[in-house]
Amino acid sequence: MDDRLNAFDQSRPPDGLAAPLQALWWLKKGGLKMGPEWEEAHRLCQLEEGRHDFDWVHALAHWIEADFGNSDYWYRRCGERRQTASVGEEWQFIAEKLTGGGD
């Protein structure tokens, strides 16, 4: 996995991360909870709805929000399903897949 996804010593995502990875970064920086970081992650996910990686992170964002119907919608839309039992494990799973570290 890209180590930059766990670099939280700055106020913005590290340079060079694609928007879906930036959204993952914001979700983790916010403690995988609702708040301003979640809002920024959600905004990034909405930039290119209909693209797999954006929609997959969007599904996770709504799981964090506890809006399970909306989360399920985004999982279906991108052709994925929950792979783990917790938000933290799912964040890790998605991050590894999107950075090529989980194959």
PDB file of N, CA and C in Angstrom:
ATOM      1  N   MET A   1       0.841  -1.179   0.000  1.00  0.00           N
ATOM      2  CA  MET A   1       0.000   0.000   0.000  1.00  0.00           C
ATOM      3  C   MET A   1       0.887   1.242   0.000  1.00  0.00           C
ATOM      4  N   ASP A   2       0.392   2.291  -0.568  1.00  0.00           N
ATOM      5  CA  ASP A   2       1.097   3.575  -0.642  1.00  0.00           C
ATOM      6  C   ASP A   2       1.194   4.173   0.771  1.00  0.00           C
ATOM      7  N   ASP A   3       2.406   4.324   1.273  1.00  0.00           N
ATOM      8  CA  ASP A   3       2.621   4.855   2.626  1.00  0.00           C
ATOM      9  C   ASP A   3       2.068   6.259   2.813  1.00  0.00           C
ATOM     10  N   ARG A   4       1.895   6.988   1.718  1.00  0.00           N
ATOM     11  CA  ARG A   4       1.368   8.360   1.838  1.00  0.00           C
ATOM     12  C   ARG A   4      -0.041   8.375   2.392  1.00  0.00           C
ATOM     13  N   LEU A   5      -0.765   7.268   2.278  1.00  0.00           N
ATOM     14  CA  LEU A   5      -2.136   7.222   2.805  1.00  0.00           C
ATOM     15  C   LEU A   5      -2.172   7.258   4.325  1.00  0.00           C
ATOM     16  N   ASN A   6      -1.042   7.011   4.960  1.00  0.00           N
ATOM     17  CA  ASN A   6      -0.968   7.049   6.418  1.00  0.00           C
ATOM     18  C   ASN A   6      -0.082   8.187   6.917  1.00  0.00           C
ATOM     19  N   ALA A   7       0.152   9.176   6.077  1.00  0.00           N
ATOM     20  CA  ALA A   7       0.968  10.337   6.451  1.00  0.00           C
ATOM     21  C   ALA A   7       0.034  11.487   6.823  1.00  0.00           C
ATOM     22  N   PHE A   8      -0.176  11.668   8.130  1.00  0.00           N
ATOM     23  CA  PHE A   8      -1.154  12.661   8.586  1.00  0.00           C
ATOM     24  C   PHE A   8      -0.511  13.846   9.297  1.00  0.00           C
ATOM     25  N   ASP A   9       0.779  14.057   9.068  1.00  0.00           N
ATOM     26  CA  ASP A   9       1.460  15.152   9.732  1.00  0.00           C
ATOM     27  C   ASP A   9       1.295  16.481   9.002  1.00  0.00           C
ATOM     28  N   GLN A  10       0.506  16.500   7.960  1.00  0.00           N
ATOM     29  CA  GLN A  10       0.228  17.741   7.232  1.00  0.00           C
ATOM     30  C   GLN A  10      -1.278  17.947   7.152  1.00  0.00           C
ATOM     31  N   SER A  11      -1.669  19.137   6.744  1.00  0.00           N
ATOM     32  CA  SER A  11      -3.092  19.479   6.743  1.00  0.00           C
ATOM     33  C   SER A  11      -3.808  19.091   5.451  1.00  0.00           C
ATOM     34  N   ARG A  12      -3.073  18.682   4.448  1.00  0.00           N
ATOM     35  CA  ARG A  12      -3.646  18.287   3.157  1.00  0.00           C
ATOM     36  C   ARG A  12      -3.057  16.944   2.749  1.00  0.00           C
ATOM     37  N   PRO A  13      -3.743  16.224   1.864  1.00  0.00           N
ATOM     38  CA  PRO A  13      -3.172  14.955   1.394  1.00  0.00           C
ATOM     39  C   PRO A  13      -1.826  15.176   0.713  1.00  0.00           C
ATOM     40  N   PRO A  14      -0.953  14.196   0.792  1.00  0.00           N
ATOM     41  CA  PRO A  14       0.335  14.310   0.111  1.00  0.00           C
ATOM     42  C   PRO A  14       0.153  14.513  -1.393  1.00  0.00           C
ATOM     43  N   ASP A  15       1.092  15.205  -1.990  1.00  0.00           N
ATOM     44  CA  ASP A  15       1.058  15.452  -3.431  1.00  0.00           C
ATOM     45  C   ASP A  15       1.074  14.134  -4.203  1.00  0.00           C
ATOM     46  N   GLY A  16       0.385  14.154  -5.322  1.00  0.00           N
ATOM     47  CA  GLY A  16       0.437  13.038  -6.245  1.00  0.00           C
ATOM     48  C   GLY A  16      -0.593  11.956  -6.042  1.00  0.00           C
ATOM     49  N   LEU A  17      -1.417  12.063  -5.008  1.00  0.00           N
ATOM     50  CA  LEU A  17      -2.464  11.061  -4.812  1.00  0.00           C
ATOM     51  C   LEU A  17      -3.645  11.358  -5.722  1.00  0.00           C
ATOM     52  N   ALA A  18      -4.160  10.332  -6.379  1.00  0.00           N
ATOM     53  CA  ALA A  18      -5.379  10.476  -7.186  1.00  0.00           C
ATOM     54  C   ALA A  18      -6.539  10.841  -6.252  1.00  0.00           C
ATOM     55  N   ALA A  19      -7.573  11.448  -6.812  1.00  0.00           N
ATOM     56  CA  ALA A  19      -8.697  11.932  -6.003  1.00  0.00           C
ATOM     57  C   ALA A  19      -9.326  10.852  -5.121  1.00  0.00           C
ATOM     58  N   PRO A  20      -9.566   9.623  -5.609  1.00  0.00           N
ATOM     59  CA  PRO A  20     -10.136   8.619  -4.699  1.00  0.00           C
ATOM     60  C   PRO A  20      -9.209   8.296  -3.520  1.00  0.00           C
ATOM     61  N   LEU A  21      -7.905   8.314  -3.754  1.00  0.00           N
ATOM     62  CA  LEU A  21      -6.956   8.082  -2.667  1.00  0.00           C
ATOM     63  C   LEU A  21      -6.916   9.277  -1.721  1.00  0.00           C
ATOM     64  N   GLN A  22      -7.071  10.470  -2.266  1.00  0.00           N
ATOM     65  CA  GLN A  22      -7.182  11.642  -1.399  1.00  0.00           C
ATOM     66  C   GLN A  22      -8.403  11.503  -0.495  1.00  0.00           C
ATOM     67  N   ALA A  23      -9.512  11.027  -1.063  1.00  0.00           N
ATOM     68  CA  ALA A  23     -10.731  10.837  -0.263  1.00  0.00           C
ATOM     69  C   ALA A  23     -10.479   9.818   0.842  1.00  0.00           C
ATOM     70  N   LEU A  24      -9.798   8.723   0.532  1.00  0.00           N
ATOM     71  CA  LEU A  24      -9.453   7.754   1.578  1.00  0.00           C
ATOM     72  C   LEU A  24      -8.593   8.403   2.653  1.00  0.00           C
ATOM     73  N   TRP A  25      -7.635   9.207   2.226  1.00  0.00           N
ATOM     74  CA  TRP A  25      -6.757   9.909   3.169  1.00  0.00           C
ATOM     75  C   TRP A  25      -7.587  10.775   4.112  1.00  0.00           C
ATOM     76  N   TRP A  26      -8.525  11.551   3.543  1.00  0.00           N
ATOM     77  CA  TRP A  26      -9.371  12.417   4.373  1.00  0.00           C
ATOM     78  C   TRP A  26     -10.207  11.602   5.355  1.00  0.00           C
ATOM     79  N   LEU A  27     -10.751  10.478   4.893  1.00  0.00           N
ATOM     80  CA  LEU A  27     -11.553   9.644   5.795  1.00  0.00           C
ATOM     81  C   LEU A  27     -10.723   9.169   6.982  1.00  0.00           C
ATOM     82  N   LYS A  28      -9.503   8.719   6.707  1.00  0.00           N
ATOM     83  CA  LYS A  28      -8.640   8.213   7.779  1.00  0.00           C
ATOM     84  C   LYS A  28      -8.157   9.351   8.673  1.00  0.00           C
ATOM     85  N   LYS A  29      -7.821  10.483   8.083  1.00  0.00           N
ATOM     86  CA  LYS A  29      -7.373  11.638   8.881  1.00  0.00           C
ATOM     87  C   LYS A  29      -8.463  12.050   9.859  1.00  0.00           C
ATOM     88  N   GLY A  30      -9.715  11.904   9.437  1.00  0.00           N
ATOM     89  CA  GLY A  30     -10.835  12.247  10.302  1.00  0.00           C
ATOM     90  C   GLY A  30     -11.227  11.148  11.271  1.00  0.00           C
ATOM     91  N   GLY A  31     -10.407  10.126  11.382  1.00  0.00           N
ATOM     92  CA  GLY A  31     -10.677   9.056  12.329  1.00  0.00           C
ATOM     93  C   GLY A  31     -11.791   8.121  11.897  1.00  0.00           C
ATOM     94  N   LEU A  32     -12.092   8.106  10.594  1.00  0.00           N
ATOM     95  CA  LEU A  32     -13.178   7.285  10.046  1.00  0.00           C
ATOM     96  C   LEU A  32     -14.493   7.613  10.743  1.00  0.00           C
ATOM     97  N   LYS A  33     -14.689   8.916  10.981  1.00  0.00           N
ATOM     98  CA  LYS A  33     -15.894   9.429  11.629  1.00  0.00           C
ATOM     99  C   LYS A  33     -16.421  10.617  10.844  1.00  0.00           C
ATOM    100  N   MET A  34     -17.642  11.003  11.142  1.00  0.00           N
ATOM    101  CA  MET A  34     -18.232  12.182  10.519  1.00  0.00           C
ATOM    102  C   MET A  34     -17.508  13.440  10.998  1.00  0.00           C
ATOM    103  N   GLY A  35     -17.427  14.421  10.128  1.00  0.00           N
ATOM    104  CA  GLY A  35     -16.778  15.674  10.462  1.00  0.00           C
ATOM    105  C   GLY A  35     -16.303  16.357   9.194  1.00  0.00           C
ATOM    106  N   PRO A  36     -15.507  17.408   9.327  1.00  0.00           N
ATOM    107  CA  PRO A  36     -15.062  18.149   8.139  1.00  0.00           C
ATOM    108  C   PRO A  36     -14.217  17.308   7.186  1.00  0.00           C
ATOM    109  N   GLU A  37     -13.451  16.381   7.712  1.00  0.00           N
ATOM    110  CA  GLU A  37     -12.656  15.519   6.835  1.00  0.00           C
ATOM    111  C   GLU A  37     -13.564  14.602   6.020  1.00  0.00           C
ATOM    112  N   TRP A  38     -14.612  14.080   6.666  1.00  0.00           N
ATOM    113  CA  TRP A  38     -15.588  13.255   5.956  1.00  0.00           C
ATOM    114  C   TRP A  38     -16.234  14.069   4.840  1.00  0.00           C
ATOM    115  N   GLU A  39     -16.587  15.309   5.145  1.00  0.00           N
ATOM    116  CA  GLU A  39     -17.216  16.188   4.141  1.00  0.00           C
ATOM    117  C   GLU A  39     -16.302  16.365   2.930  1.00  0.00           C
ATOM    118  N   GLU A  40     -15.024  16.570   3.173  1.00  0.00           N
ATOM    119  CA  GLU A  40     -14.076  16.737   2.062  1.00  0.00           C
ATOM    120  C   GLU A  40     -13.950  15.445   1.263  1.00  0.00           C
ATOM    121  N   ALA A  41     -13.877  14.316   1.947  1.00  0.00           N
ATOM    122  CA  ALA A  41     -13.810  13.031   1.252  1.00  0.00           C
ATOM    123  C   ALA A  41     -15.054  12.833   0.389  1.00  0.00           C
ATOM    124  N   HIS A  42     -16.202  13.129   0.939  1.00  0.00           N
ATOM    125  CA  HIS A  42     -17.458  12.964   0.204  1.00  0.00           C
ATOM    126  C   HIS A  42     -17.485  13.873  -1.025  1.00  0.00           C
ATOM    127  N   ARG A  43     -17.012  15.091  -0.872  1.00  0.00           N
ATOM    128  CA  ARG A  43     -16.953  16.022  -2.005  1.00  0.00           C
ATOM    129  C   ARG A  43     -16.083  15.445  -3.123  1.00  0.00           C
ATOM    130  N   LEU A  44     -14.947  14.894  -2.757  1.00  0.00           N
ATOM    131  CA  LEU A  44     -14.050  14.303  -3.758  1.00  0.00           C
ATOM    132  C   LEU A  44     -14.710  13.119  -4.454  1.00  0.00           C
ATOM    133  N   CYS A  45     -15.424  12.311  -3.705  1.00  0.00           N
ATOM    134  CA  CYS A  45     -16.105  11.145  -4.304  1.00  0.00           C
ATOM    135  C   CYS A  45     -17.132  11.572  -5.341  1.00  0.00           C
ATOM    136  N   GLN A  46     -17.755  12.695  -5.109  1.00  0.00           N
ATOM    137  CA  GLN A  46     -18.797  13.174  -6.012  1.00  0.00           C
ATOM    138  C   GLN A  46     -18.244  13.802  -7.288  1.00  0.00           C
ATOM    139  N   LEU A  47     -16.941  14.036  -7.354  1.00  0.00           N
ATOM    140  CA  LEU A  47     -16.353  14.685  -8.522  1.00  0.00           C
ATOM    141  C   LEU A  47     -16.559  13.870  -9.797  1.00  0.00           C
ATOM    142  N   GLU A  48     -16.468  12.559  -9.666  1.00  0.00           N
ATOM    143  CA  GLU A  48     -16.573  11.717 -10.862  1.00  0.00           C
ATOM    144  C   GLU A  48     -17.401  10.478 -10.565  1.00  0.00           C
ATOM    145  N   GLU A  49     -18.639  10.729 -10.116  1.00  0.00           N
ATOM    146  CA  GLU A  49     -19.545   9.612  -9.875  1.00  0.00           C
ATOM    147  C   GLU A  49     -19.663   8.786 -11.146  1.00  0.00           C
ATOM    148  N   GLY A  50     -19.761   7.481 -10.964  1.00  0.00           N
ATOM    149  CA  GLY A  50     -19.837   6.586 -12.100  1.00  0.00           C
ATOM    150  C   GLY A  50     -18.505   5.933 -12.438  1.00  0.00           C
ATOM    151  N   ARG A  51     -17.438   6.420 -11.848  1.00  0.00           N
ATOM    152  CA  ARG A  51     -16.126   5.778 -12.015  1.00  0.00           C
ATOM    153  C   ARG A  51     -15.882   4.889 -10.800  1.00  0.00           C
ATOM    154  N   HIS A  52     -15.434   3.687 -11.066  1.00  0.00           N
ATOM    155  CA  HIS A  52     -15.311   2.648 -10.050  1.00  0.00           C
ATOM    156  C   HIS A  52     -14.663   3.127  -8.755  1.00  0.00           C
ATOM    157  N   ASP A  53     -13.459   3.662  -8.820  1.00  0.00           N
ATOM    158  CA  ASP A  53     -12.723   4.000  -7.605  1.00  0.00           C
ATOM    159  C   ASP A  53     -13.429   5.075  -6.791  1.00  0.00           C
ATOM    160  N   PHE A  54     -13.994   6.057  -7.461  1.00  0.00           N
ATOM    161  CA  PHE A  54     -14.733   7.116  -6.778  1.00  0.00           C
ATOM    162  C   PHE A  54     -15.950   6.528  -6.070  1.00  0.00           C
ATOM    163  N   ASP A  55     -16.683   5.660  -6.767  1.00  0.00           N
ATOM    164  CA  ASP A  55     -17.907   5.085  -6.207  1.00  0.00           C
ATOM    165  C   ASP A  55     -17.600   4.129  -5.056  1.00  0.00           C
ATOM    166  N   TRP A  56     -16.478   3.425  -5.126  1.00  0.00           N
ATOM    167  CA  TRP A  56     -16.116   2.492  -4.065  1.00  0.00           C
ATOM    168  C   TRP A  56     -15.809   3.239  -2.767  1.00  0.00           C
ATOM    169  N   VAL A  57     -15.054   4.307  -2.869  1.00  0.00           N
ATOM    170  CA  VAL A  57     -14.758   5.114  -1.676  1.00  0.00           C
ATOM    171  C   VAL A  57     -16.036   5.809  -1.200  1.00  0.00           C
ATOM    172  N   HIS A  58     -16.902   6.176  -2.121  1.00  0.00           N
ATOM    173  CA  HIS A  58     -18.188   6.779  -1.777  1.00  0.00           C
ATOM    174  C   HIS A  58     -19.003   5.807  -0.920  1.00  0.00           C
ATOM    175  N   ALA A  59     -18.984   4.523  -1.283  1.00  0.00           N
ATOM    176  CA  ALA A  59     -19.684   3.505  -0.498  1.00  0.00           C
ATOM    177  C   ALA A  59     -19.152   3.464   0.931  1.00  0.00           C
ATOM    178  N   LEU A  60     -17.841   3.510   1.069  1.00  0.00           N
ATOM    179  CA  LEU A  60     -17.234   3.504   2.399  1.00  0.00           C
ATOM    180  C   LEU A  60     -17.634   4.752   3.184  1.00  0.00           C
ATOM    181  N   ALA A  61     -17.644   5.886   2.527  1.00  0.00           N
ATOM    182  CA  ALA A  61     -18.022   7.127   3.219  1.00  0.00           C
ATOM    183  C   ALA A  61     -19.429   7.011   3.806  1.00  0.00           C
ATOM    184  N   HIS A  62     -20.340   6.442   3.055  1.00  0.00           N
ATOM    185  CA  HIS A  62     -21.708   6.319   3.576  1.00  0.00           C
ATOM    186  C   HIS A  62     -21.826   5.230   4.637  1.00  0.00           C
ATOM    187  N   TRP A  63     -20.938   4.236   4.603  1.00  0.00           N
ATOM    188  CA  TRP A  63     -20.897   3.268   5.700  1.00  0.00           C
ATOM    189  C   TRP A  63     -20.479   3.993   6.982  1.00  0.00           C
ATOM    190  N   ILE A  64     -19.459   4.841   6.890  1.00  0.00           N
ATOM    191  CA  ILE A  64     -19.018   5.637   8.037  1.00  0.00           C
ATOM    192  C   ILE A  64     -20.162   6.489   8.558  1.00  0.00           C
ATOM    193  N   GLU A  65     -20.953   7.015   7.668  1.00  0.00           N
ATOM    194  CA  GLU A  65     -22.095   7.861   8.033  1.00  0.00           C
ATOM    195  C   GLU A  65     -23.223   7.040   8.672  1.00  0.00           C
ATOM    196  N   ALA A  66     -23.137   5.728   8.564  1.00  0.00           N
ATOM    197  CA  ALA A  66     -24.179   4.792   9.018  1.00  0.00           C
ATOM    198  C   ALA A  66     -25.440   4.909   8.174  1.00  0.00           C
ATOM    199  N   ASP A  67     -25.276   5.344   6.935  1.00  0.00           N
ATOM    200  CA  ASP A  67     -26.370   5.362   5.961  1.00  0.00           C
ATOM    201  C   ASP A  67     -26.185   4.108   5.104  1.00  0.00           C
ATOM    202  N   PHE A  68     -26.618   2.974   5.653  1.00  0.00           N
ATOM    203  CA  PHE A  68     -26.313   1.688   5.038  1.00  0.00           C
ATOM    204  C   PHE A  68     -27.014   1.481   3.700  1.00  0.00           C
ATOM    205  N   GLY A  69     -28.228   2.018   3.555  1.00  0.00           N
ATOM    206  CA  GLY A  69     -28.904   1.907   2.267  1.00  0.00           C
ATOM    207  C   GLY A  69     -28.132   2.627   1.174  1.00  0.00           C
ATOM    208  N   ASN A  70     -27.655   3.820   1.468  1.00  0.00           N
ATOM    209  CA  ASN A  70     -26.874   4.593   0.505  1.00  0.00           C
ATOM    210  C   ASN A  70     -25.528   3.921   0.253  1.00  0.00           C
ATOM    211  N   SER A  71     -24.915   3.412   1.306  1.00  0.00           N
ATOM    212  CA  SER A  71     -23.656   2.704   1.153  1.00  0.00           C
ATOM    213  C   SER A  71     -23.836   1.496   0.235  1.00  0.00           C
ATOM    214  N   ASP A  72     -24.873   0.720   0.483  1.00  0.00           N
ATOM    215  CA  ASP A  72     -25.139  -0.457  -0.357  1.00  0.00           C
ATOM    216  C   ASP A  72     -25.356  -0.062  -1.814  1.00  0.00           C
ATOM    217  N   TYR A  73     -26.032   1.062  -2.029  1.00  0.00           N
ATOM    218  CA  TYR A  73     -26.253   1.555  -3.390  1.00  0.00           C
ATOM    219  C   TYR A  73     -24.918   1.770  -4.100  1.00  0.00           C
ATOM    220  N   TRP A  74     -23.977   2.443  -3.424  1.00  0.00           N
ATOM    221  CA  TRP A  74     -22.686   2.743  -4.049  1.00  0.00           C
ATOM    222  C   TRP A  74     -21.852   1.489  -4.248  1.00  0.00           C
ATOM    223  N   TYR A  75     -21.946   0.542  -3.311  1.00  0.00           N
ATOM    224  CA  TYR A  75     -21.261  -0.736  -3.527  1.00  0.00           C
ATOM    225  C   TYR A  75     -21.808  -1.420  -4.772  1.00  0.00           C
ATOM    226  N   ARG A  76     -23.127  -1.496  -4.887  1.00  0.00           N
ATOM    227  CA  ARG A  76     -23.723  -2.130  -6.075  1.00  0.00           C
ATOM    228  C   ARG A  76     -23.328  -1.386  -7.340  1.00  0.00           C
ATOM    229  N   ARG A  77     -23.356  -0.067  -7.272  1.00  0.00           N
ATOM    230  CA  ARG A  77     -23.075   0.739  -8.463  1.00  0.00           C
ATOM    231  C   ARG A  77     -21.677   0.480  -9.017  1.00  0.00           C
ATOM    232  N   CYS A  78     -20.726   0.233  -8.133  1.00  0.00           N
ATOM    233  CA  CYS A  78     -19.357  -0.006  -8.610  1.00  0.00           C
ATOM    234  C   CYS A  78     -19.037  -1.495  -8.737  1.00  0.00           C
ATOM    235  N   GLY A  79     -20.024  -2.354  -8.467  1.00  0.00           N
ATOM    236  CA  GLY A  79     -19.811  -3.777  -8.638  1.00  0.00           C
ATOM    237  C   GLY A  79     -19.000  -4.424  -7.524  1.00  0.00           C
ATOM    238  N   GLU A  80     -19.000  -3.819  -6.369  1.00  0.00           N
ATOM    239  CA  GLU A  80     -18.249  -4.352  -5.227  1.00  0.00           C
ATOM    240  C   GLU A  80     -19.229  -4.713  -4.113  1.00  0.00           C
ATOM    241  N   ARG A  81     -18.697  -5.300  -3.061  1.00  0.00           N
ATOM    242  CA  ARG A  81     -19.468  -5.571  -1.856  1.00  0.00           C
ATOM    243  C   ARG A  81     -18.543  -5.426  -0.667  1.00  0.00           C
ATOM    244  N   ARG A  82     -19.139  -5.272   0.513  1.00  0.00           N
ATOM    245  CA  ARG A  82     -18.311  -5.182   1.714  1.00  0.00           C
ATOM    246  C   ARG A  82     -17.493  -6.456   1.843  1.00  0.00           C
ATOM    247  N   GLN A  83     -16.229  -6.278   2.163  1.00  0.00           N
ATOM    248  CA  GLN A  83     -15.324  -7.409   2.288  1.00  0.00           C
ATOM    249  C   GLN A  83     -14.949  -7.712   3.736  1.00  0.00           C
ATOM    250  N   THR A  84     -15.239  -6.802   4.638  1.00  0.00           N
ATOM    251  CA  THR A  84     -14.793  -6.944   6.022  1.00  0.00           C
ATOM    252  C   THR A  84     -15.933  -6.591   6.971  1.00  0.00           C
ATOM    253  N   ALA A  85     -15.670  -6.784   8.263  1.00  0.00           N
ATOM    254  CA  ALA A  85     -16.700  -6.549   9.272  1.00  0.00           C
ATOM    255  C   ALA A  85     -16.650  -5.158   9.898  1.00  0.00           C
ATOM    256  N   SER A  86     -15.581  -4.415   9.654  1.00  0.00           N
ATOM    257  CA  SER A  86     -15.466  -3.095  10.285  1.00  0.00           C
ATOM    258  C   SER A  86     -15.040  -2.041   9.265  1.00  0.00           C
ATOM    259  N   VAL A  87     -15.377  -0.818   9.576  1.00  0.00           N
ATOM    260  CA  VAL A  87     -15.003   0.299   8.707  1.00  0.00           C
ATOM    261  C   VAL A  87     -13.485   0.387   8.571  1.00  0.00           C
ATOM    262  N   GLY A  88     -12.767   0.212   9.664  1.00  0.00           N
ATOM    263  CA  GLY A  88     -11.305   0.295   9.605  1.00  0.00           C
ATOM    264  C   GLY A  88     -10.686  -0.778   8.728  1.00  0.00           C
ATOM    265  N   GLU A  89     -11.192  -1.995   8.848  1.00  0.00           N
ATOM    266  CA  GLU A  89     -10.686  -3.072   7.996  1.00  0.00           C
ATOM    267  C   GLU A  89     -11.059  -2.836   6.544  1.00  0.00           C
ATOM    268  N   GLU A  90     -12.252  -2.299   6.307  1.00  0.00           N
ATOM    269  CA  GLU A  90     -12.684  -2.028   4.935  1.00  0.00           C
ATOM    270  C   GLU A  90     -11.839  -0.921   4.324  1.00  0.00           C
ATOM    271  N   TRP A  91     -11.525   0.102   5.125  1.00  0.00           N
ATOM    272  CA  TRP A  91     -10.641   1.175   4.641  1.00  0.00           C
ATOM    273  C   TRP A  91      -9.325   0.555   4.176  1.00  0.00           C
ATOM    274  N   GLN A  92      -8.758  -0.314   5.004  1.00  0.00           N
ATOM    275  CA  GLN A  92      -7.485  -0.962   4.685  1.00  0.00           C
ATOM    276  C   GLN A  92      -7.612  -1.790   3.407  1.00  0.00           C
ATOM    277  N   PHE A  93      -8.678  -2.565   3.292  1.00  0.00           N
ATOM    278  CA  PHE A  93      -8.892  -3.412   2.120  1.00  0.00           C
ATOM    279  C   PHE A  93      -8.968  -2.577   0.849  1.00  0.00           C
ATOM    280  N   ILE A  94      -9.797  -1.515   0.875  1.00  0.00           N
ATOM    281  CA  ILE A  94      -9.950  -0.663  -0.305  1.00  0.00           C
ATOM    282  C   ILE A  94      -8.631   0.035  -0.637  1.00  0.00           C
ATOM    283  N   ALA A  95      -7.953   0.556   0.387  1.00  0.00           N
ATOM    284  CA  ALA A  95      -6.675   1.233   0.153  1.00  0.00           C
ATOM    285  C   ALA A  95      -5.675   0.299  -0.510  1.00  0.00           C
ATOM    286  N   GLU A  96      -5.598  -0.933  -0.035  1.00  0.00           N
ATOM    287  CA  GLU A  96      -4.672  -1.885  -0.641  1.00  0.00           C
ATOM    288  C   GLU A  96      -5.038  -2.197  -2.085  1.00  0.00           C
ATOM    289  N   LYS A  97      -6.311  -2.377  -2.348  1.00  0.00           N
ATOM    290  CA  LYS A  97      -6.746  -2.677  -3.714  1.00  0.00           C
ATOM    291  C   LYS A  97      -6.483  -1.499  -4.662  1.00  0.00           C
ATOM    292  N   LEU A  98      -6.790  -0.292  -4.205  1.00  0.00           N
ATOM    293  CA  LEU A  98      -6.634   0.880  -5.076  1.00  0.00           C
ATOM    294  C   LEU A  98      -5.179   1.270  -5.300  1.00  0.00           C
ATOM    295  N   THR A  99      -4.290   0.814  -4.435  1.00  0.00           N
ATOM    296  CA  THR A  99      -2.873   1.120  -4.631  1.00  0.00           C
ATOM    297  C   THR A  99      -2.095  -0.068  -5.170  1.00  0.00           C
ATOM    298  N   GLY A 100      -2.806  -1.152  -5.467  1.00  0.00           N
ATOM    299  CA  GLY A 100      -2.153  -2.319  -6.032  1.00  0.00           C
ATOM    300  C   GLY A 100      -1.436  -3.182  -5.009  1.00  0.00           C
ATOM    301  N   GLY A 101      -1.652  -2.907  -3.728  1.00  0.00           N
ATOM    302  CA  GLY A 101      -0.965  -3.668  -2.704  1.00  0.00           C
ATOM    303  C   GLY A 101      -1.742  -4.840  -2.170  1.00  0.00           C
ATOM    304  N   GLY A 102      -2.952  -5.066  -2.671  1.00  0.00           N
ATOM    305  CA  GLY A 102      -3.765  -6.138  -2.111  1.00  0.00           C
ATOM    306  C   GLY A 102      -4.010  -7.273  -3.061  1.00  0.00           C
ATOM    307  N   ASP A 103      -3.242  -7.370  -4.111  1.00  0.00           N
ATOM    308  CA  ASP A 103      -3.463  -8.435  -5.107  1.00  0.00           C
ATOM    309  C   ASP A 103      -2.726  -9.689  -4.754  1.00  0.00           C
TER     310      ASP A 103
END
